[in-house]
């Protein structure tokens, strides 16, 4: 379930005007050299509006802002805000496909591409969502997603990533028990031989539906007494195995995986703040409630408590608003 509680009655035009006035208030303070944190109500106004609008509502606000003020709302936010708060609220204001396309592009542009971001997005979105991401990516960057992933990666990592983002999978609930048994045996044999980069391994993981793969993973556990991830062991420096394990984890239990991402990020905000922002922003309208429940069971504390303790200012206020009630 989503954690967001959207406003039932709202006016895109009024929201656009309130946001513009909030930005003007900030400009006035800049002129007066009054930039101390928390002064005024402009950021508070932005949070009160945008954190309480669902994707369809935010799209209408963005359209109204463009029509009235002849400027893209996200560009306005980026010009007026900074740091982790700007990043969080700008990504939130985008539509989902545009946001995911942007996140993937940012991941690819890093000195060392962040493959886990690409896997996380590819394996936790359904086929229609992934298709929309590809369309948005092409519109934004004038390249196809597969082209950029292939050009920025090498070897087995490239082979797996391109395969995962290229397929259009069945998203239904049905699965074939016989296929699950057959492919459980295939995967087990490949793992026993440590043939982790075998084409059959990549074919199965990249083309089968989530339900089909979860059935296969369960059969591996039942037949061989161990989970597939335990079999995918290697040295920590083995980049491909890390990407492979992330793929399996995202497919097998995405909420558990994302709860771990948040836990790790909250333990190292200096380096992982973007991961915290990414998961909360992208899952607030999806399954953040379930992710919060998994997190609480594993950490004996709620995400709210740790976010409240370890983050600060408008960034904290915005994240807590998206997290909703405990």
Protein backbone atom coordinates (compact mmCIF):
# COMPACT_ATOMS: atom_id res chain seq x y z
CA UNK A 1 0.00 0.00 0.00
CA UNK A 2 1.05 3.56 -0.62
CA UNK A 3 1.95 5.77 2.35
CA UNK A 4 0.82 8.98 0.65
CA UNK A 5 -2.50 10.52 1.64
CA UNK A 6 -3.39 12.87 -1.21
CA UNK A 7 -5.66 15.87 -0.89
CA UNK A 8 -9.23 15.15 -2.00
CA UNK A 9 -10.02 18.71 -3.02
CA UNK A 10 -7.36 20.84 -4.63
CA UNK A 11 -6.93 23.48 -7.31
CA UNK A 12 -3.91 23.16 -9.62
CA UNK A 13 -4.06 26.88 -10.33
CA UNK A 14 -4.11 27.81 -6.64
CA UNK A 15 -1.25 25.38 -5.97
CA UNK A 16 0.79 26.87 -8.81
CA UNK A 17 0.25 30.39 -7.43
CA UNK A 18 1.13 29.33 -3.88
CA UNK A 19 4.33 27.70 -5.11
CA UNK A 20 5.27 30.81 -7.10
CA UNK A 21 4.66 33.03 -4.09
CA UNK A 22 6.77 30.69 -1.94
CA UNK A 23 9.63 31.05 -4.43
CA UNK A 24 9.22 34.83 -4.48
CA UNK A 25 9.41 34.85 -0.69
CA UNK A 26 12.70 33.02 -0.87
CA UNK A 27 14.07 35.46 -3.44
CA UNK A 28 13.17 38.36 -1.15
CA UNK A 29 15.04 36.76 1.72
CA UNK A 30 18.06 36.16 -0.50
CA UNK A 31 18.14 39.84 -1.35
CA UNK A 32 18.09 40.67 2.35
CA UNK A 33 20.81 38.11 3.11
CA UNK A 34 18.42 36.25 5.43
CA UNK A 35 19.16 32.70 4.47
CA UNK A 36 19.33 31.06 7.88
CA UNK A 37 17.75 27.60 7.93
CA UNK A 38 14.09 27.53 8.74
CA UNK A 39 13.51 31.29 8.30
CA UNK A 40 10.16 32.02 6.71
CA UNK A 41 7.55 29.66 5.34
CA UNK A 42 8.45 29.17 1.67
CA UNK A 43 9.86 25.63 1.97
CA UNK A 44 7.07 24.72 4.36
CA UNK A 45 4.54 25.82 1.76
CA UNK A 46 6.21 23.71 -0.92
CA UNK A 47 6.15 20.65 1.32
CA UNK A 48 2.55 21.18 2.39
CA UNK A 49 1.44 21.21 -1.24
CA UNK A 50 3.66 18.78 -3.10
CA UNK A 51 3.95 16.12 -0.40
CA UNK A 52 0.16 15.92 -0.30
CA UNK A 53 -0.53 15.55 -4.01
CA UNK A 54 -0.54 12.24 -5.86
CA UNK A 55 1.13 11.79 -9.24
CA UNK A 56 -1.94 12.79 -11.26
CA UNK A 57 -2.43 15.89 -9.11
CA UNK A 58 1.23 16.88 -9.31
CA UNK A 59 1.09 16.58 -13.08
CA UNK A 60 -1.85 19.01 -13.17
CA UNK A 61 -0.01 21.43 -10.88
CA UNK A 62 3.05 21.25 -13.12
CA UNK A 63 0.93 21.90 -16.22
CA UNK A 64 -0.80 24.84 -14.54
CA UNK A 65 2.53 26.29 -13.44
CA UNK A 66 3.88 26.06 -16.99
CA UNK A 67 0.78 27.67 -18.47
CA UNK A 68 0.63 30.52 -15.97
CA UNK A 69 4.31 31.27 -15.39
CA UNK A 70 5.86 29.92 -18.61
CA UNK A 71 8.45 27.93 -16.69
CA UNK A 72 8.75 24.27 -15.87
CA UNK A 73 8.01 23.70 -12.19
CA UNK A 74 10.92 21.31 -11.73
CA UNK A 75 13.36 23.80 -13.22
CA UNK A 76 11.94 26.42 -10.85
CA UNK A 77 12.45 24.13 -7.86
CA UNK A 78 16.01 23.34 -8.91
CA UNK A 79 16.84 27.03 -9.25
CA UNK A 80 15.40 27.98 -5.86
CA UNK A 81 16.42 25.03 -3.68
CA UNK A 82 19.59 23.08 -3.07
CA UNK A 83 21.05 19.93 -1.58
CA UNK A 84 19.17 16.81 -0.59
CA UNK A 85 15.88 18.66 -0.18
CA UNK A 86 16.01 19.98 -3.74
CA UNK A 87 16.85 16.54 -5.10
CA UNK A 88 14.05 14.84 -3.17
CA UNK A 89 11.28 17.31 -4.00
CA UNK A 90 12.35 17.66 -7.66
CA UNK A 91 12.33 13.90 -8.20
CA UNK A 92 9.01 13.61 -6.42
CA UNK A 93 7.44 16.24 -8.67
CA UNK A 94 8.36 14.32 -11.81
CA UNK A 95 6.03 11.69 -13.18
CA UNK A 96 7.14 8.16 -12.33
CA UNK A 97 8.59 7.23 -15.74
CA UNK A 98 10.49 10.51 -16.05
CA UNK A 99 11.86 10.07 -12.53
CA UNK A 100 13.04 6.50 -13.15
CA UNK A 101 14.62 7.49 -16.46
CA UNK A 102 16.44 10.32 -14.68
CA UNK A 103 17.62 8.02 -11.88
CA UNK A 104 19.00 5.51 -14.38
CA UNK A 105 20.78 8.23 -16.34
CA UNK A 106 22.32 9.59 -13.14
CA UNK A 107 23.43 6.08 -12.17
CA UNK A 108 25.08 5.56 -15.57
CA UNK A 109 26.90 8.90 -15.42
CA UNK A 110 28.73 8.12 -12.19
CA UNK A 111 32.47 7.41 -12.44
CA UNK A 112 31.57 3.84 -11.59
CA UNK A 113 28.01 3.23 -12.81
CA UNK A 114 25.61 2.32 -10.02
CA UNK A 115 24.34 -0.97 -11.42
CA UNK A 116 22.15 -1.66 -8.40
CA UNK A 117 19.96 1.35 -9.20
CA UNK A 118 19.34 0.02 -12.70
CA UNK A 119 18.53 -3.47 -11.40
CA UNK A 120 16.31 -2.08 -8.66
CA UNK A 121 14.23 -0.12 -11.14
CA UNK A 122 14.12 -2.83 -13.82
CA UNK A 123 13.14 -5.60 -11.41
CA UNK A 124 10.60 -3.74 -9.28
CA UNK A 125 8.59 -2.15 -12.11
CA UNK A 126 6.10 -4.07 -14.23
CA UNK A 127 6.48 -4.35 -18.00
CA UNK A 128 4.21 -1.42 -18.81
CA UNK A 129 6.08 0.79 -16.35
CA UNK A 130 9.42 -0.28 -17.81
CA UNK A 131 8.19 0.48 -21.31
CA UNK A 132 7.13 3.97 -20.16
CA UNK A 133 10.58 4.48 -18.63
CA UNK A 134 12.22 3.59 -21.94
CA UNK A 135 10.01 6.06 -23.79
CA UNK A 136 10.75 8.80 -21.26
CA UNK A 137 14.48 8.06 -21.36
CA UNK A 138 14.54 8.39 -25.14
CA UNK A 139 12.58 11.65 -24.98
CA UNK A 140 14.87 13.13 -22.33
CA UNK A 141 18.28 11.96 -23.57
CA UNK A 142 17.75 11.25 -27.29
CA UNK A 143 19.20 7.76 -26.84
CA UNK A 144 17.50 4.48 -26.16
CA UNK A 145 17.97 3.06 -22.68
CA UNK A 146 19.50 -0.20 -23.91
CA UNK A 147 22.03 1.78 -25.98
CA UNK A 148 23.29 3.76 -22.99
CA UNK A 149 23.36 0.78 -20.63
CA UNK A 150 25.35 -1.23 -23.19
CA UNK A 151 27.80 1.61 -23.85
CA UNK A 152 28.45 2.27 -20.14
CA UNK A 153 28.94 -1.33 -19.02
CA UNK A 154 31.15 -4.24 -20.01
CA UNK A 155 31.35 -8.01 -19.91
CA UNK A 156 28.92 -10.14 -17.93
CA UNK A 157 27.44 -7.11 -16.17
CA UNK A 158 26.49 -5.65 -19.54
CA UNK A 159 25.01 -8.96 -20.69
CA UNK A 160 22.79 -9.23 -17.61
CA UNK A 161 21.70 -5.58 -17.44
CA UNK A 162 20.80 -5.33 -21.12
CA UNK A 163 18.85 -8.59 -20.89
CA UNK A 164 16.91 -7.46 -17.80
CA UNK A 165 15.89 -4.08 -19.22
CA UNK A 166 15.13 -5.40 -22.72
CA UNK A 167 12.41 -7.97 -22.06
CA UNK A 168 8.67 -7.45 -21.83
CA UNK A 169 7.52 -9.97 -19.23
CA UNK A 170 4.18 -11.45 -18.34
CA UNK A 171 2.96 -9.71 -15.18
CA UNK A 172 0.10 -11.99 -14.18
CA UNK A 173 -0.35 -14.39 -11.28
CA UNK A 174 -0.20 -17.66 -13.17
CA UNK A 175 2.93 -19.80 -13.45
CA UNK A 176 3.91 -23.20 -14.78
CA UNK A 177 4.89 -25.68 -12.06
CA UNK A 178 6.67 -27.98 -14.52
CA UNK A 179 8.75 -25.15 -15.91
CA UNK A 180 9.59 -24.06 -12.36
CA UNK A 181 10.88 -27.57 -11.51
CA UNK A 182 12.88 -27.81 -14.72
CA UNK A 183 14.48 -24.41 -14.36
CA UNK A 184 15.14 -24.91 -10.65
CA UNK A 185 17.29 -27.89 -11.63
CA UNK A 186 19.01 -25.89 -14.37
CA UNK A 187 19.85 -23.04 -12.00
CA UNK A 188 21.05 -25.42 -9.29
CA UNK A 189 23.36 -27.22 -11.72
CA UNK A 190 24.79 -23.92 -12.95
CA UNK A 191 25.35 -22.73 -9.39
CA UNK A 192 27.04 -26.01 -8.47
CA UNK A 193 29.41 -25.53 -11.40
CA UNK A 194 29.76 -21.82 -10.53
CA UNK A 195 28.71 -21.04 -14.09
CA UNK A 196 27.10 -17.80 -12.94
CA UNK A 197 27.47 -16.10 -16.31
CA UNK A 198 25.96 -18.93 -18.34
CA UNK A 199 23.46 -17.81 -20.96
CA UNK A 200 20.78 -20.05 -19.43
CA UNK A 201 21.16 -18.31 -16.06
CA UNK A 202 20.67 -14.93 -17.68
CA UNK A 203 17.84 -16.16 -19.92
CA UNK A 204 15.82 -17.50 -16.99
CA UNK A 205 16.31 -14.45 -14.77
CA UNK A 206 15.61 -11.92 -17.51
CA UNK A 207 12.63 -13.45 -19.34
CA UNK A 208 10.48 -15.26 -16.76
CA UNK A 209 7.73 -13.46 -14.86
CA UNK A 210 8.16 -12.61 -11.21
CA UNK A 211 5.62 -15.26 -10.18
CA UNK A 212 7.36 -17.88 -12.29
CA UNK A 213 10.77 -17.03 -10.86
CA UNK A 214 9.54 -16.97 -7.26
CA UNK A 215 8.09 -20.46 -7.81
CA UNK A 216 11.45 -21.57 -9.21
CA UNK A 217 13.36 -20.08 -6.26
CA UNK A 218 11.02 -21.81 -3.79
CA UNK A 219 11.57 -25.17 -5.49
CA UNK A 220 15.35 -24.70 -5.26
CA UNK A 221 14.96 -24.25 -1.51
CA UNK A 222 12.61 -27.24 -1.18
CA UNK A 223 14.71 -29.61 -3.30
CA UNK A 224 18.22 -28.61 -2.29
CA UNK A 225 17.78 -27.16 1.19
CA UNK A 226 19.32 -23.79 0.44
CA UNK A 227 18.26 -20.48 -1.07
CA UNK A 228 19.44 -19.41 -4.50
CA UNK A 229 21.20 -16.38 -3.04
CA UNK A 230 23.32 -18.51 -0.74
CA UNK A 231 24.48 -20.37 -3.80
CA UNK A 232 25.46 -17.14 -5.53
CA UNK A 233 28.47 -16.57 -3.33
CA UNK A 234 31.79 -15.12 -4.36
CA UNK A 235 34.36 -12.62 -3.20
CA UNK A 236 32.98 -9.15 -2.33
CA UNK A 237 34.98 -7.68 -5.20
CA UNK A 238 33.15 -9.78 -7.80
CA UNK A 239 31.03 -7.07 -9.39
CA UNK A 240 28.98 -9.36 -11.60
CA UNK A 241 27.98 -11.66 -8.72
CA UNK A 242 26.88 -8.59 -6.77
CA UNK A 243 24.64 -7.49 -9.64
CA UNK A 244 23.32 -11.05 -10.02
CA UNK A 245 22.45 -11.31 -6.32
CA UNK A 246 20.72 -7.93 -6.41
CA UNK A 247 18.65 -9.13 -9.36
CA UNK A 248 17.52 -12.25 -7.48
CA UNK A 249 16.75 -10.29 -4.31
CA UNK A 250 14.69 -7.66 -6.14
CA UNK A 251 12.69 -10.35 -7.93
CA UNK A 252 12.24 -12.68 -4.96
CA UNK A 253 11.17 -10.12 -2.33
CA UNK A 254 11.43 -6.52 -3.47
CA UNK A 255 10.01 -5.07 -0.26
CA UNK A 256 12.55 -6.89 1.88
CA UNK A 257 15.32 -5.77 -0.44
CA UNK A 258 14.18 -2.13 -0.39
CA UNK A 259 13.86 -2.19 3.41
CA UNK A 260 17.53 -3.27 3.48
CA UNK A 261 18.47 -0.43 1.13
CA UNK A 262 16.83 2.06 3.50
CA UNK A 263 18.48 0.45 6.54
CA UNK A 264 21.91 0.62 4.92
CA UNK A 265 21.33 4.21 3.80
CA UNK A 266 20.29 5.36 7.27
CA UNK A 267 23.47 3.81 8.62
CA UNK A 268 25.66 5.78 6.19
CA UNK A 269 23.85 8.93 5.11
CA UNK A 270 27.06 10.64 4.06
CA UNK A 271 27.42 8.19 1.17
CA UNK A 272 23.92 6.75 0.82
CA UNK A 273 21.52 9.69 1.17
CA UNK A 274 20.52 9.34 -2.47
CA UNK A 275 19.46 5.74 -1.88
CA UNK A 276 17.24 6.79 1.04
CA UNK A 277 15.64 9.51 -1.08
CA UNK A 278 15.21 7.19 -4.06
CA UNK A 279 13.35 4.44 -2.23
CA UNK A 280 11.04 6.73 -0.26
CA UNK A 281 10.22 8.92 -3.27
CA UNK A 282 9.68 6.06 -5.73
CA UNK A 283 7.69 3.80 -3.40
CA UNK A 284 5.51 6.33 -1.54
CA UNK A 285 2.71 5.77 -4.05
CA UNK A 286 3.36 2.04 -4.37
CA UNK A 287 4.19 -0.15 -1.39
CA UNK A 288 6.01 2.03 1.12
CA UNK A 289 3.65 0.98 3.89
CA UNK A 290 4.71 -2.67 3.49
CA UNK A 291 8.38 -1.67 3.25
CA UNK A 292 7.99 0.25 6.51
CA UNK A 293 6.49 -2.82 8.17
CA UNK A 294 9.37 -5.04 7.00
CA UNK A 295 11.89 -2.44 8.17
CA UNK A 296 10.31 -2.18 11.62
CA UNK A 297 10.36 -5.95 12.14
CA UNK A 298 14.01 -6.23 11.12
CA UNK A 299 15.33 -3.17 12.97
CA UNK A 300 13.14 -2.93 16.10
CA UNK A 301 12.56 0.71 15.18
CA UNK A 302 10.47 2.51 12.61
CA UNK A 303 11.82 4.34 9.59
CA UNK A 304 10.11 7.47 10.98
CA UNK A 305 12.13 7.28 14.20
CA UNK A 306 15.47 6.92 12.47
CA UNK A 307 14.74 9.49 9.75
CA UNK A 308 13.63 11.92 12.47
CA UNK A 309 16.86 11.30 14.38
CA UNK A 310 19.38 11.24 11.54
CA UNK A 311 18.12 13.78 9.00
CA UNK A 312 17.38 17.46 9.44
CA UNK A 313 15.61 20.56 8.19
CA UNK A 314 13.32 20.67 5.20
CA UNK A 315 14.72 17.39 3.90
CA UNK A 316 13.59 15.63 7.06
CA UNK A 317 10.18 17.32 7.00
CA UNK A 318 9.65 16.26 3.40
CA UNK A 319 10.67 12.62 3.94
CA UNK A 320 8.46 12.34 7.01
CA UNK A 321 5.53 13.76 5.05
CA UNK A 322 5.98 11.11 2.35
CA UNK A 323 6.35 8.35 4.95
CA UNK A 324 2.93 9.22 6.33
CA UNK A 325 1.66 8.01 9.66
CA UNK A 326 3.61 5.42 11.64
